Amino acid sequence: MLSLKQAVSWPKSMRLACAALLAVLGLALAWWAQLGGLLSRLQAAQAQENELRAAYGQAQARAGQLPQLRERRQAAAAELATLEQQLPRQQEMASLLSDINQAGLARGLQFELFKPGTPEPQAHYVAMPIAIRVRGGYHAIGAFAADLARLPRIVTMQAVILNGGKDGPPTLDAVLRAFRLPDAQEQAAMAKSKVKPSAGPLTAVPLSGFVPRDYAAGDLPDPFGAVAVHDAHTGGVAAPDLRRVREPLESVALSDMAMVGSVRQHGRLDALLQAGQRLHRIRTGQHLGHDHGVVTQIGEQALAYREVAQDANGVWRERRGSLALQVAGAGAKEKEK
């Protein structure tokens, strides 16, 4: 029987066979040790293959949607161009501020405060806050807010505070925000300061889904107690239609108008009124003045009108007056046709 202690005395062939057997066993152990690493690498490669296959499938699905994505990009570009058209340039802001003011005057509101603030540069536009305080009827204020939404430019209303007037109609305190495009200097300053996009009023609400609507609550009771019907005990009269679209001369005080002549056409006599630097041709039934004035009669030497205004108790009262011809030594201008 062979003994490892006597391995030196083994025949040479036996020793070589043992050495070969040991080498084979060593190689087998080494291969077994590496097999675990190879299996883990194989599993990782298979998982990566599955991920790549899934990514390839998603890429194929997105590639199939490429025509729709291109259409959506074109629609987004068109919508962006439309929104940019609603943003005036700096030189057009004076006209926008005038439109806001005229919107309030057209509703019979009196501006006690109209103060533009410091422009606020954002990522792609400049916001201008405007502090306002207006006094007028409750429904007129609501109609004014609806008119702002219908302006061709983007104007929003924030920080709204409505207070009931102790000695008259309620007052509205609010901050309007008008938006415009930045000029070249502002764009350079914004790029230098790296102004980041912010979720401002333009991005917080999807403007594409915004649809302005007319003020439709004029028939509801005034929560501030304005009298809307004739009251035999107080002598009040019916309230005017606060939803009516105001006429141009309703933004001008009667004290700033002057009758300078008259024109007769097709048998109808119209008055010529001077308001500022403009001459207006007025017929019976047209409105003028801040207090819902309406022309009741036109003569060659005078124009008669009727106004309706609220007193301190909120009761609508009627006033009548006239504008006499102001051209000294001149008769009425008449033209027969």
C-alpha atoms as a PDB file:
ATOM      1  CA  MET A   1       0.000   0.000   0.000  1.00  0.00           C
ATOM      2  CA  LEU A   2       1.325   3.407  -0.971  1.00  0.00           C
ATOM      3  CA  SER A   3       2.034   5.943   1.726  1.00  0.00           C
ATOM      4  CA  LEU A   4       2.443   9.720   1.273  1.00  0.00           C
ATOM      5  CA  LYS A   5       5.356   9.559   3.705  1.00  0.00           C
ATOM      6  CA  GLN A   6       7.140   7.313   1.224  1.00  0.00           C
ATOM      7  CA  ALA A   7       6.135   9.360  -1.853  1.00  0.00           C
ATOM      8  CA  VAL A   8       9.823  10.029  -2.539  1.00  0.00           C
ATOM      9  CA  SER A   9      10.409   6.326  -3.054  1.00  0.00           C
ATOM     10  CA  TRP A  10       7.417   5.979  -5.404  1.00  0.00           C
ATOM     11  CA  PRO A  11       8.074   5.073  -8.972  1.00  0.00           C
ATOM     12  CA  LYS A  12       8.603   8.068 -11.241  1.00  0.00           C
ATOM     13  CA  SER A  13       5.450   7.352 -13.248  1.00  0.00           C
ATOM     14  CA  MET A  14       3.426   7.267 -10.059  1.00  0.00           C
ATOM     15  CA  ARG A  15       4.843  10.573  -8.900  1.00  0.00           C
ATOM     16  CA  LEU A  16       4.061  12.200 -12.283  1.00  0.00           C
ATOM     17  CA  ALA A  17       0.494  10.901 -12.187  1.00  0.00           C
ATOM     18  CA  CYS A  18      -0.019  12.321  -8.693  1.00  0.00           C
ATOM     19  CA  ALA A  19       1.408  15.657  -9.759  1.00  0.00           C
ATOM     20  CA  ALA A  20      -0.902  15.762 -12.781  1.00  0.00           C
ATOM     21  CA  LEU A  21      -3.871  14.867 -10.583  1.00  0.00           C
ATOM     22  CA  LEU A  22      -3.019  17.661  -8.131  1.00  0.00           C
ATOM     23  CA  ALA A  23      -2.701  20.145 -11.014  1.00  0.00           C
ATOM     24  CA  VAL A  24      -6.090  19.140 -12.347  1.00  0.00           C
ATOM     25  CA  LEU A  25      -7.614  19.506  -8.881  1.00  0.00           C
ATOM     26  CA  GLY A  26      -6.021  22.948  -8.511  1.00  0.00           C
ATOM     27  CA  LEU A  27      -7.357  24.083 -11.848  1.00  0.00           C
ATOM     28  CA  ALA A  28     -10.786  22.743 -10.978  1.00  0.00           C
ATOM     29  CA  LEU A  29     -10.786  24.653  -7.679  1.00  0.00           C
ATOM     30  CA  ALA A  30      -9.638  27.837  -9.422  1.00  0.00           C
ATOM     31  CA  TRP A  31     -12.383  27.493 -12.055  1.00  0.00           C
ATOM     32  CA  TRP A  32     -14.984  26.859  -9.358  1.00  0.00           C
ATOM     33  CA  ALA A  33     -13.858  29.977  -7.512  1.00  0.00           C
ATOM     34  CA  GLN A  34     -14.230  32.116 -10.652  1.00  0.00           C
ATOM     35  CA  LEU A  35     -17.537  30.537 -11.618  1.00  0.00           C
ATOM     36  CA  GLY A  36     -19.464  32.499  -8.971  1.00  0.00           C
ATOM     37  CA  GLY A  37     -18.129  35.830 -10.316  1.00  0.00           C
ATOM     38  CA  LEU A  38     -18.922  34.798 -13.880  1.00  0.00           C
ATOM     39  CA  LEU A  39     -22.480  33.906 -12.905  1.00  0.00           C
ATOM     40  CA  SER A  40     -23.024  37.271 -11.172  1.00  0.00           C
ATOM     41  CA  ARG A  41     -21.644  39.080 -14.224  1.00  0.00           C
ATOM     42  CA  LEU A  42     -23.915  37.048 -16.448  1.00  0.00           C
ATOM     43  CA  GLN A  43     -26.953  37.936 -14.356  1.00  0.00           C
ATOM     44  CA  ALA A  44     -26.007  41.668 -14.419  1.00  0.00           C
ATOM     45  CA  ALA A  45     -25.568  41.505 -18.179  1.00  0.00           C
ATOM     46  CA  GLN A  46     -28.967  39.853 -18.568  1.00  0.00           C
ATOM     47  CA  ALA A  47     -30.607  42.532 -16.404  1.00  0.00           C
ATOM     48  CA  GLN A  48     -28.903  45.251 -18.430  1.00  0.00           C
ATOM     49  CA  GLU A  49     -30.116  43.570 -21.607  1.00  0.00           C
ATOM     50  CA  ASN A  50     -33.683  43.642 -20.305  1.00  0.00           C
ATOM     51  CA  GLU A  51     -33.357  47.324 -19.423  1.00  0.00           C
ATOM     52  CA  LEU A  52     -31.945  48.139 -22.835  1.00  0.00           C
ATOM     53  CA  ARG A  53     -34.732  46.206 -24.504  1.00  0.00           C
ATOM     54  CA  ALA A  54     -37.326  48.147 -22.483  1.00  0.00           C
ATOM     55  CA  ALA A  55     -35.622  51.451 -23.316  1.00  0.00           C
ATOM     56  CA  TYR A  56     -35.510  50.450 -26.976  1.00  0.00           C
ATOM     57  CA  GLY A  57     -39.237  49.677 -26.886  1.00  0.00           C
ATOM     58  CA  GLN A  58     -39.992  53.049 -25.292  1.00  0.00           C
ATOM     59  CA  ALA A  59     -37.808  54.799 -27.861  1.00  0.00           C
ATOM     60  CA  GLN A  60     -39.699  53.030 -30.630  1.00  0.00           C
ATOM     61  CA  ALA A  61     -43.009  54.130 -29.094  1.00  0.00           C
ATOM     62  CA  ARG A  62     -41.811  57.744 -28.871  1.00  0.00           C
ATOM     63  CA  ALA A  63     -40.562  57.584 -32.427  1.00  0.00           C
ATOM     64  CA  GLY A  64     -44.044  56.516 -33.489  1.00  0.00           C
ATOM     65  CA  GLN A  65     -45.443  59.610 -31.772  1.00  0.00           C
ATOM     66  CA  LEU A  66     -42.994  61.953 -33.495  1.00  0.00           C
ATOM     67  CA  PRO A  67     -45.573  63.422 -35.938  1.00  0.00           C
ATOM     68  CA  GLN A  68     -47.963  64.196 -33.079  1.00  0.00           C
ATOM     69  CA  LEU A  69     -45.140  65.718 -31.034  1.00  0.00           C
ATOM     70  CA  ARG A  70     -44.187  67.936 -33.954  1.00  0.00           C
ATOM     71  CA  GLU A  71     -47.781  69.111 -34.278  1.00  0.00           C
ATOM     72  CA  ARG A  72     -47.905  69.869 -30.556  1.00  0.00           C
ATOM     73  CA  ARG A  73     -44.653  71.822 -30.803  1.00  0.00           C
ATOM     74  CA  GLN A  74     -46.050  73.884 -33.667  1.00  0.00           C
ATOM     75  CA  ALA A  75     -49.248  74.523 -31.699  1.00  0.00           C
ATOM     76  CA  ALA A  76     -47.206  75.563 -28.631  1.00  0.00           C
ATOM     77  CA  ALA A  77     -45.134  77.931 -30.786  1.00  0.00           C
ATOM     78  CA  ALA A  78     -48.304  79.486 -32.213  1.00  0.00           C
ATOM     79  CA  GLU A  79     -49.793  79.876 -28.724  1.00  0.00           C
ATOM     80  CA  LEU A  80     -46.582  81.484 -27.469  1.00  0.00           C
ATOM     81  CA  ALA A  81     -46.654  83.929 -30.374  1.00  0.00           C
ATOM     82  CA  THR A  82     -50.277  84.784 -29.505  1.00  0.00           C
ATOM     83  CA  LEU A  83     -49.386  85.400 -25.860  1.00  0.00           C
ATOM     84  CA  GLU A  84     -46.429  87.571 -26.868  1.00  0.00           C
ATOM     85  CA  GLN A  85     -48.789  89.678 -28.970  1.00  0.00           C
ATOM     86  CA  GLN A  86     -50.729  90.370 -25.756  1.00  0.00           C
ATOM     87  CA  LEU A  87     -47.584  91.808 -24.182  1.00  0.00           C
ATOM     88  CA  PRO A  88     -47.017  95.422 -25.213  1.00  0.00           C
ATOM     89  CA  ARG A  89     -43.622  97.013 -25.540  1.00  0.00           C
ATOM     90  CA  GLN A  90     -42.413  99.684 -23.157  1.00  0.00           C
ATOM     91  CA  GLN A  91     -43.505 102.528 -25.428  1.00  0.00           C
ATOM     92  CA  GLU A  92     -47.024 101.079 -25.554  1.00  0.00           C
ATOM     93  CA  MET A  93     -47.520 100.961 -21.788  1.00  0.00           C
ATOM     94  CA  ALA A  94     -48.902 104.522 -21.659  1.00  0.00           C
ATOM     95  CA  SER A  95     -51.732 103.454 -23.966  1.00  0.00           C
ATOM     96  CA  LEU A  96     -52.443 100.389 -21.787  1.00  0.00           C
ATOM     97  CA  LEU A  97     -52.597 102.509 -18.631  1.00  0.00           C
ATOM     98  CA  SER A  98     -54.998 104.857 -20.412  1.00  0.00           C
ATOM     99  CA  ASP A  99     -57.187 101.879 -21.417  1.00  0.00           C
ATOM    100  CA  ILE A 100     -57.346 100.731 -17.787  1.00  0.00           C
ATOM    101  CA  ASN A 101     -58.319 104.216 -16.642  1.00  0.00           C
ATOM    102  CA  GLN A 102     -60.953 104.577 -19.343  1.00  0.00           C
ATOM    103  CA  ALA A 103     -62.409 101.154 -18.443  1.00  0.00           C
ATOM    104  CA  GLY A 104     -63.101 102.431 -14.929  1.00  0.00           C
ATOM    105  CA  LEU A 105     -64.440 105.807 -16.039  1.00  0.00           C
ATOM    106  CA  ALA A 106     -66.717 104.114 -18.552  1.00  0.00           C
ATOM    107  CA  ARG A 107     -68.370 102.262 -15.655  1.00  0.00           C
ATOM    108  CA  GLY A 108     -68.910 105.487 -13.722  1.00  0.00           C
ATOM    109  CA  LEU A 109     -66.143 104.787 -11.192  1.00  0.00           C
ATOM    110  CA  GLN A 110     -64.068 107.536  -9.615  1.00  0.00           C
ATOM    111  CA  PHE A 111     -60.345 106.899  -9.262  1.00  0.00           C
ATOM    112  CA  GLU A 112     -59.014 108.077  -5.919  1.00  0.00           C
ATOM    113  CA  LEU A 113     -55.655 106.377  -6.515  1.00  0.00           C
ATOM    114  CA  PHE A 114     -53.911 105.241  -9.700  1.00  0.00           C
ATOM    115  CA  LYS A 115     -50.222 104.731  -8.979  1.00  0.00           C
ATOM    116  CA  PRO A 116     -47.946 102.615 -11.226  1.00  0.00           C
ATOM    117  CA  GLY A 117     -45.150 100.972  -9.251  1.00  0.00           C
ATOM    118  CA  THR A 118     -41.594  99.915 -10.033  1.00  0.00           C
ATOM    119  CA  PRO A 119     -41.318  97.443 -12.953  1.00  0.00           C
ATOM    120  CA  GLU A 120     -40.467  93.899 -11.860  1.00  0.00           C
ATOM    121  CA  PRO A 121     -38.326  91.979 -14.422  1.00  0.00           C
ATOM    122  CA  GLN A 122     -39.141  88.283 -14.637  1.00  0.00           C
ATOM    123  CA  ALA A 123     -37.675  85.545 -16.828  1.00  0.00           C
ATOM    124  CA  HIS A 124     -39.368  86.483 -20.100  1.00  0.00           C
ATOM    125  CA  TYR A 125     -41.435  89.578 -19.298  1.00  0.00           C
ATOM    126  CA  VAL A 126     -41.656  92.653 -17.088  1.00  0.00           C
ATOM    127  CA  ALA A 127     -44.533  93.044 -14.615  1.00  0.00           C
ATOM    128  CA  MET A 128     -45.739  96.489 -13.585  1.00  0.00           C
ATOM    129  CA  PRO A 129     -47.848  96.712 -10.410  1.00  0.00           C
ATOM    130  CA  ILE A 130     -50.493  99.446 -10.333  1.00  0.00           C
ATOM    131  CA  ALA A 131     -52.105 100.376  -7.016  1.00  0.00           C
ATOM    132  CA  ILE A 132     -55.670 101.598  -7.522  1.00  0.00           C
ATOM    133  CA  ARG A 133     -58.549 102.786  -5.395  1.00  0.00           C
ATOM    134  CA  VAL A 134     -61.881 103.342  -7.078  1.00  0.00           C
ATOM    135  CA  ARG A 135     -65.222 104.411  -5.714  1.00  0.00           C
ATOM    136  CA  GLY A 136     -68.549 103.511  -7.259  1.00  0.00           C
ATOM    137  CA  GLY A 137     -71.466 101.118  -7.279  1.00  0.00           C
ATOM    138  CA  TYR A 138     -70.918  97.498  -6.308  1.00  0.00           C
ATOM    139  CA  HIS A 139     -72.102  96.183  -9.667  1.00  0.00           C
ATOM    140  CA  ALA A 140     -70.100  98.842 -11.510  1.00  0.00           C
ATOM    141  CA  ILE A 141     -66.964  97.582  -9.761  1.00  0.00           C
ATOM    142  CA  GLY A 142     -67.776  94.019 -10.812  1.00  0.00           C
ATOM    143  CA  ALA A 143     -68.325  95.125 -14.389  1.00  0.00           C
ATOM    144  CA  PHE A 144     -65.004  97.012 -14.294  1.00  0.00           C
ATOM    145  CA  ALA A 145     -63.197  93.824 -13.241  1.00  0.00           C
ATOM    146  CA  ALA A 146     -64.838  91.964 -16.133  1.00  0.00           C
ATOM    147  CA  ASP A 147     -63.788  94.733 -18.523  1.00  0.00           C
ATOM    148  CA  LEU A 148     -60.162  94.362 -17.426  1.00  0.00           C
ATOM    149  CA  ALA A 149     -60.305  90.668 -18.316  1.00  0.00           C
ATOM    150  CA  ARG A 150     -61.496  91.577 -21.816  1.00  0.00           C
ATOM    151  CA  LEU A 151     -58.671  94.002 -22.567  1.00  0.00           C
ATOM    152  CA  PRO A 152     -56.484  92.942 -25.510  1.00  0.00           C
ATOM    153  CA  ARG A 153     -53.475  93.091 -23.159  1.00  0.00           C
ATOM    154  CA  ILE A 154     -52.888  90.899 -20.099  1.00  0.00           C
ATOM    155  CA  VAL A 155     -53.948  92.635 -16.873  1.00  0.00           C
ATOM    156  CA  THR A 156     -54.565  90.776 -13.619  1.00  0.00           C
ATOM    157  CA  MET A 157     -56.091  91.964 -10.335  1.00  0.00           C
ATOM    158  CA  GLN A 158     -54.631  90.996  -6.943  1.00  0.00           C
ATOM    159  CA  ALA A 159     -54.860  91.993  -3.284  1.00  0.00           C
ATOM    160  CA  VAL A 160     -58.531  92.936  -3.667  1.00  0.00           C
ATOM    161  CA  ILE A 161     -60.137  94.738  -0.727  1.00  0.00           C
ATOM    162  CA  LEU A 162     -63.739  95.950  -1.005  1.00  0.00           C
ATOM    163  CA  ASN A 163     -64.972  98.303   1.702  1.00  0.00           C
ATOM    164  CA  GLY A 164     -68.483  99.638   2.153  1.00  0.00           C
ATOM    165  CA  GLY A 165     -68.556 103.420   2.056  1.00  0.00           C
ATOM    166  CA  LYS A 166     -69.974 105.119   5.142  1.00  0.00           C
ATOM    167  CA  ASP A 167     -70.916 108.239   3.209  1.00  0.00           C
ATOM    168  CA  GLY A 168     -71.514 106.822  -0.248  1.00  0.00           C
ATOM    169  CA  PRO A 169     -70.739 103.933  -2.603  1.00  0.00           C
ATOM    170  CA  PRO A 170     -68.146 101.271  -1.709  1.00  0.00           C
ATOM    171  CA  THR A 171     -64.445 101.559  -2.529  1.00  0.00           C
ATOM    172  CA  LEU A 172     -62.182  98.976  -4.116  1.00  0.00           C
ATOM    173  CA  ASP A 173     -58.499  98.776  -3.230  1.00  0.00           C
ATOM    174  CA  ALA A 174     -56.498  96.447  -5.454  1.00  0.00           C
ATOM    175  CA  VAL A 175     -53.166  95.938  -7.160  1.00  0.00           C
ATOM    176  CA  LEU A 176     -53.334  95.490 -10.902  1.00  0.00           C
ATOM    177  CA  ARG A 177     -50.446  93.828 -12.691  1.00  0.00           C
ATOM    178  CA  ALA A 178     -49.822  94.756 -16.299  1.00  0.00           C
ATOM    179  CA  PHE A 179     -47.222  92.853 -18.300  1.00  0.00           C
ATOM    180  CA  ARG A 180     -44.959  93.929 -21.142  1.00  0.00           C
ATOM    181  CA  LEU A 181     -41.985  92.698 -23.115  1.00  0.00           C
ATOM    182  CA  PRO A 182     -38.528  93.720 -21.853  1.00  0.00           C
ATOM    183  CA  ASP A 183     -36.516  96.181 -23.929  1.00  0.00           C
ATOM    184  CA  ALA A 184     -32.942  95.556 -25.099  1.00  0.00           C
ATOM    185  CA  GLN A 185     -31.327  97.017 -21.970  1.00  0.00           C
ATOM    186  CA  GLU A 186     -33.594  95.018 -19.672  1.00  0.00           C
ATOM    187  CA  GLN A 187     -32.895  91.828 -21.624  1.00  0.00           C
ATOM    188  CA  ALA A 188     -29.159  92.395 -21.271  1.00  0.00           C
ATOM    189  CA  ALA A 189     -29.513  93.090 -17.544  1.00  0.00           C
ATOM    190  CA  MET A 190     -31.681  89.995 -17.071  1.00  0.00           C
ATOM    191  CA  ALA A 191     -29.156  87.848 -18.946  1.00  0.00           C
ATOM    192  CA  LYS A 192     -26.296  89.290 -16.892  1.00  0.00           C
ATOM    193  CA  SER A 193     -28.077  88.699 -13.595  1.00  0.00           C
ATOM    194  CA  LYS A 194     -29.302  85.281 -14.794  1.00  0.00           C
ATOM    195  CA  VAL A 195     -32.906  85.843 -13.774  1.00  0.00           C
ATOM    196  CA  LYS A 196     -34.475  82.416 -13.316  1.00  0.00           C
ATOM    197  CA  PRO A 197     -38.021  81.614 -14.442  1.00  0.00           C
ATOM    198  CA  SER A 198     -40.552  82.018 -11.671  1.00  0.00           C
ATOM    199  CA  ALA A 199     -44.127  80.806 -11.300  1.00  0.00           C
ATOM    200  CA  GLY A 200     -45.582  84.277 -11.652  1.00  0.00           C
ATOM    201  CA  PRO A 201     -49.095  85.247 -12.710  1.00  0.00           C
ATOM    202  CA  LEU A 202     -48.375  84.293 -16.321  1.00  0.00           C
ATOM    203  CA  THR A 203     -47.192  80.766 -15.552  1.00  0.00           C
ATOM    204  CA  ALA A 204     -49.377  79.974 -12.562  1.00  0.00           C
ATOM    205  CA  VAL A 205     -52.565  79.862 -14.645  1.00  0.00           C
ATOM    206  CA  PRO A 206     -52.905  78.293 -18.121  1.00  0.00           C
ATOM    207  CA  LEU A 207     -53.985  81.355 -20.071  1.00  0.00           C
ATOM    208  CA  SER A 208     -54.894  79.252 -23.096  1.00  0.00           C
ATOM    209  CA  GLY A 209     -57.970  77.987 -21.210  1.00  0.00           C
ATOM    210  CA  PHE A 210     -59.022  81.410 -19.906  1.00  0.00           C
ATOM    211  CA  VAL A 211     -62.264  82.759 -21.390  1.00  0.00           C
ATOM    212  CA  PRO A 212     -63.300  86.273 -20.268  1.00  0.00           C
ATOM    213  CA  ARG A 213     -66.989  86.655 -19.481  1.00  0.00           C
ATOM    214  CA  ASP A 214     -69.326  89.585 -19.109  1.00  0.00           C
ATOM    215  CA  TYR A 215     -70.450  90.642 -15.656  1.00  0.00           C
ATOM    216  CA  ALA A 216     -73.843  88.979 -15.266  1.00  0.00           C
ATOM    217  CA  ALA A 217     -74.758  89.709 -11.634  1.00  0.00           C
ATOM    218  CA  GLY A 218     -76.269  93.155 -12.093  1.00  0.00           C
ATOM    219  CA  ASP A 219     -79.759  91.859 -11.346  1.00  0.00           C
ATOM    220  CA  LEU A 220     -78.744  90.567  -7.916  1.00  0.00           C
ATOM    221  CA  PRO A 221     -79.222  92.718  -4.798  1.00  0.00           C
ATOM    222  CA  ASP A 222     -76.441  95.090  -3.903  1.00  0.00           C
ATOM    223  CA  PRO A 223     -74.847  93.726  -0.672  1.00  0.00           C
ATOM    224  CA  PHE A 224     -73.941  97.273   0.334  1.00  0.00           C
ATOM    225  CA  GLY A 225     -77.584  98.315   0.392  1.00  0.00           C
ATOM    226  CA  ALA A 226     -77.891 100.409  -2.737  1.00  0.00           C
ATOM    227  CA  VAL A 227     -81.520 101.137  -3.625  1.00  0.00           C
ATOM    228  CA  ALA A 228     -82.331  99.743  -7.034  1.00  0.00           C
ATOM    229  CA  VAL A 229     -86.062 100.510  -7.338  1.00  0.00           C
ATOM    230  CA  HIS A 230     -88.329 103.487  -6.911  1.00  0.00           C
ATOM    231  CA  ASP A 231     -89.091 104.237  -3.269  1.00  0.00           C
ATOM    232  CA  ALA A 232     -92.133 106.412  -2.710  1.00  0.00           C
ATOM    233  CA  HIS A 233     -91.154 107.133   0.908  1.00  0.00           C
ATOM    234  CA  THR A 234     -87.639 108.333   0.158  1.00  0.00           C
ATOM    235  CA  GLY A 235     -88.371 109.953  -3.185  1.00  0.00           C
ATOM    236  CA  GLY A 236     -85.750 107.843  -4.920  1.00  0.00           C
ATOM    237  CA  VAL A 237     -85.838 106.785  -8.541  1.00  0.00           C
ATOM    238  CA  ALA A 238     -84.931 103.586 -10.336  1.00  0.00           C
ATOM    239  CA  ALA A 239     -81.237 102.836 -10.507  1.00  0.00           C
ATOM    240  CA  PRO A 240     -79.566 103.094 -13.920  1.00  0.00           C
ATOM    241  CA  ASP A 241     -78.411 100.043 -15.835  1.00  0.00           C
ATOM    242  CA  LEU A 242     -74.917  99.513 -14.452  1.00  0.00           C
ATOM    243  CA  ARG A 243     -74.188  96.835 -17.041  1.00  0.00           C
ATOM    244  CA  ARG A 244     -74.648  99.266 -19.911  1.00  0.00           C
ATOM    245  CA  VAL A 245     -71.568  99.978 -21.982  1.00  0.00           C
ATOM    246  CA  ARG A 246     -70.503 103.552 -21.249  1.00  0.00           C
ATOM    247  CA  GLU A 247     -70.307 106.133 -24.020  1.00  0.00           C
ATOM    248  CA  PRO A 248     -67.198 108.289 -24.659  1.00  0.00           C
ATOM    249  CA  LEU A 249     -68.543 111.502 -23.098  1.00  0.00           C
ATOM    250  CA  GLU A 250     -69.394 109.714 -19.844  1.00  0.00           C
ATOM    251  CA  SER A 251     -65.698 109.873 -18.954  1.00  0.00           C
ATOM    252  CA  VAL A 252     -65.813 113.708 -19.063  1.00  0.00           C
ATOM    253  CA  ALA A 253     -67.284 115.852 -16.308  1.00  0.00           C
ATOM    254  CA  LEU A 254     -70.174 118.121 -17.330  1.00  0.00           C
ATOM    255  CA  SER A 255     -68.222 121.087 -16.049  1.00  0.00           C
ATOM    256  CA  ASP A 256     -65.590 120.379 -18.698  1.00  0.00           C
ATOM    257  CA  MET A 257     -68.101 120.469 -21.582  1.00  0.00           C
ATOM    258  CA  ALA A 258     -69.423 123.436 -23.520  1.00  0.00           C
ATOM    259  CA  MET A 259     -72.131 123.655 -26.149  1.00  0.00           C
ATOM    260  CA  VAL A 260     -70.674 125.535 -29.107  1.00  0.00           C
ATOM    261  CA  GLY A 261     -73.381 125.049 -31.726  1.00  0.00           C
ATOM    262  CA  SER A 262     -75.907 122.747 -33.305  1.00  0.00           C
ATOM    263  CA  VAL A 263     -76.378 120.917 -36.592  1.00  0.00           C
ATOM    264  CA  ARG A 264     -79.690 120.055 -38.242  1.00  0.00           C
ATOM    265  CA  GLN A 265     -79.700 117.024 -40.513  1.00  0.00           C
ATOM    266  CA  HIS A 266     -82.711 115.201 -41.956  1.00  0.00           C
ATOM    267  CA  GLY A 267     -84.957 117.255 -39.732  1.00  0.00           C
ATOM    268  CA  ARG A 268     -83.112 116.306 -36.526  1.00  0.00           C
ATOM    269  CA  LEU A 269     -81.243 118.867 -34.437  1.00  0.00           C
ATOM    270  CA  ASP A 270     -77.964 117.675 -32.911  1.00  0.00           C
ATOM    271  CA  ALA A 271     -75.756 119.587 -30.474  1.00  0.00           C
ATOM    272  CA  LEU A 272     -72.055 120.282 -30.895  1.00  0.00           C
ATOM    273  CA  LEU A 273     -70.169 119.860 -27.597  1.00  0.00           C
ATOM    274  CA  GLN A 274     -66.575 120.889 -26.984  1.00  0.00           C
ATOM    275  CA  ALA A 275     -64.793 118.554 -24.541  1.00  0.00           C
ATOM    276  CA  GLY A 276     -61.091 119.301 -24.227  1.00  0.00           C
ATOM    277  CA  GLN A 277     -59.616 119.538 -27.689  1.00  0.00           C
ATOM    278  CA  ARG A 278     -62.303 117.417 -29.345  1.00  0.00           C
ATOM    279  CA  LEU A 279     -65.672 118.354 -30.818  1.00  0.00           C
ATOM    280  CA  HIS A 280     -68.540 115.894 -30.352  1.00  0.00           C
ATOM    281  CA  ARG A 281     -71.867 115.694 -32.125  1.00  0.00           C
ATOM    282  CA  ILE A 282     -74.602 114.681 -29.672  1.00  0.00           C
ATOM    283  CA  ARG A 283     -78.222 113.705 -30.256  1.00  0.00           C
ATOM    284  CA  THR A 284     -81.146 113.273 -27.888  1.00  0.00           C
ATOM    285  CA  GLY A 285     -80.883 110.082 -25.823  1.00  0.00           C
ATOM    286  CA  GLN A 286     -77.088 109.953 -25.713  1.00  0.00           C
ATOM    287  CA  HIS A 287     -75.279 109.779 -22.372  1.00  0.00           C
ATOM    288  CA  LEU A 288     -72.743 112.195 -20.963  1.00  0.00           C
ATOM    289  CA  GLY A 289     -71.132 113.099 -17.642  1.00  0.00           C
ATOM    290  CA  HIS A 290     -70.086 110.960 -14.682  1.00  0.00           C
ATOM    291  CA  ASP A 291     -73.557 110.463 -13.176  1.00  0.00           C
ATOM    292  CA  HIS A 292     -75.427 108.558 -15.900  1.00  0.00           C
ATOM    293  CA  GLY A 293     -76.513 111.774 -17.599  1.00  0.00           C
ATOM    294  CA  VAL A 294     -78.780 111.511 -20.650  1.00  0.00           C
ATOM    295  CA  VAL A 295     -79.680 114.246 -23.127  1.00  0.00           C
ATOM    296  CA  THR A 296     -83.421 114.920 -22.936  1.00  0.00           C
ATOM    297  CA  GLN A 297     -83.808 117.888 -25.274  1.00  0.00           C
ATOM    298  CA  ILE A 298     -81.698 119.878 -27.731  1.00  0.00           C
ATOM    299  CA  GLY A 299     -82.434 123.428 -28.774  1.00  0.00           C
ATOM    300  CA  GLU A 300     -80.533 126.002 -30.760  1.00  0.00           C
ATOM    301  CA  GLN A 301     -79.475 127.867 -27.607  1.00  0.00           C
ATOM    302  CA  ALA A 302     -79.232 125.108 -24.976  1.00  0.00           C
ATOM    303  CA  LEU A 303     -79.081 121.392 -24.281  1.00  0.00           C
ATOM    304  CA  ALA A 304     -81.123 119.831 -21.448  1.00  0.00           C
ATOM    305  CA  TYR A 305     -80.037 116.704 -19.613  1.00  0.00           C
ATOM    306  CA  ARG A 306     -81.069 114.466 -16.707  1.00  0.00           C
ATOM    307  CA  GLU A 307     -78.664 112.774 -14.260  1.00  0.00           C
ATOM    308  CA  VAL A 308     -79.140 109.964 -11.732  1.00  0.00           C
ATOM    309  CA  ALA A 309     -76.764 109.724  -8.757  1.00  0.00           C
ATOM    310  CA  GLN A 310     -76.709 108.108  -5.313  1.00  0.00           C
ATOM    311  CA  ASP A 311     -76.944 110.167  -2.165  1.00  0.00           C
ATOM    312  CA  ALA A 312     -75.255 109.397   1.166  1.00  0.00           C
ATOM    313  CA  ASN A 313     -77.953 106.831   2.010  1.00  0.00           C
ATOM    314  CA  GLY A 314     -77.497 104.934  -1.229  1.00  0.00           C
ATOM    315  CA  VAL A 315     -80.787 106.230  -2.701  1.00  0.00           C
ATOM    316  CA  TRP A 316     -80.746 107.108  -6.383  1.00  0.00           C
ATOM    317  CA  ARG A 317     -81.755 110.749  -6.943  1.00  0.00           C
ATOM    318  CA  GLU A 318     -82.543 112.572 -10.158  1.00  0.00           C
ATOM    319  CA  ARG A 319     -80.995 115.899 -11.152  1.00  0.00           C
ATOM    320  CA  ARG A 320     -81.801 118.030 -14.172  1.00  0.00           C
ATOM    321  CA  GLY A 321     -79.693 120.701 -15.809  1.00  0.00           C
ATOM    322  CA  SER A 322     -78.743 122.296 -19.087  1.00  0.00           C
ATOM    323  CA  LEU A 323     -75.760 123.481 -21.093  1.00  0.00           C
ATOM    324  CA  ALA A 324     -76.244 126.869 -22.721  1.00  0.00           C
ATOM    325  CA  LEU A 325     -74.635 127.915 -25.998  1.00  0.00           C
ATOM    326  CA  GLN A 326     -71.198 129.310 -25.165  1.00  0.00           C
ATOM    327  CA  VAL A 327     -70.353 131.041 -28.476  1.00  0.00           C
ATOM    328  CA  ALA A 328     -70.782 134.745 -27.714  1.00  0.00           C
ATOM    329  CA  GLY A 329     -72.700 136.744 -30.343  1.00  0.00           C
ATOM    330  CA  ALA A 330     -73.167 133.737 -32.560  1.00  0.00           C
ATOM    331  CA  GLY A 331     -76.298 131.817 -33.311  1.00  0.00           C
ATOM    332  CA  ALA A 332     -76.599 128.118 -33.708  1.00  0.00           C
ATOM    333  CA  LYS A 333     -74.900 126.478 -36.608  1.00  0.00           C
ATOM    334  CA  GLU A 334     -77.505 124.822 -38.720  1.00  0.00           C
ATOM    335  CA  LYS A 335     -77.284 122.869 -41.903  1.00  0.00           C
ATOM    336  CA  GLU A 336     -80.323 121.728 -43.783  1.00  0.00           C
ATOM    337  CA  LYS A 337     -80.067 118.478 -45.704  1.00  0.00           C
END
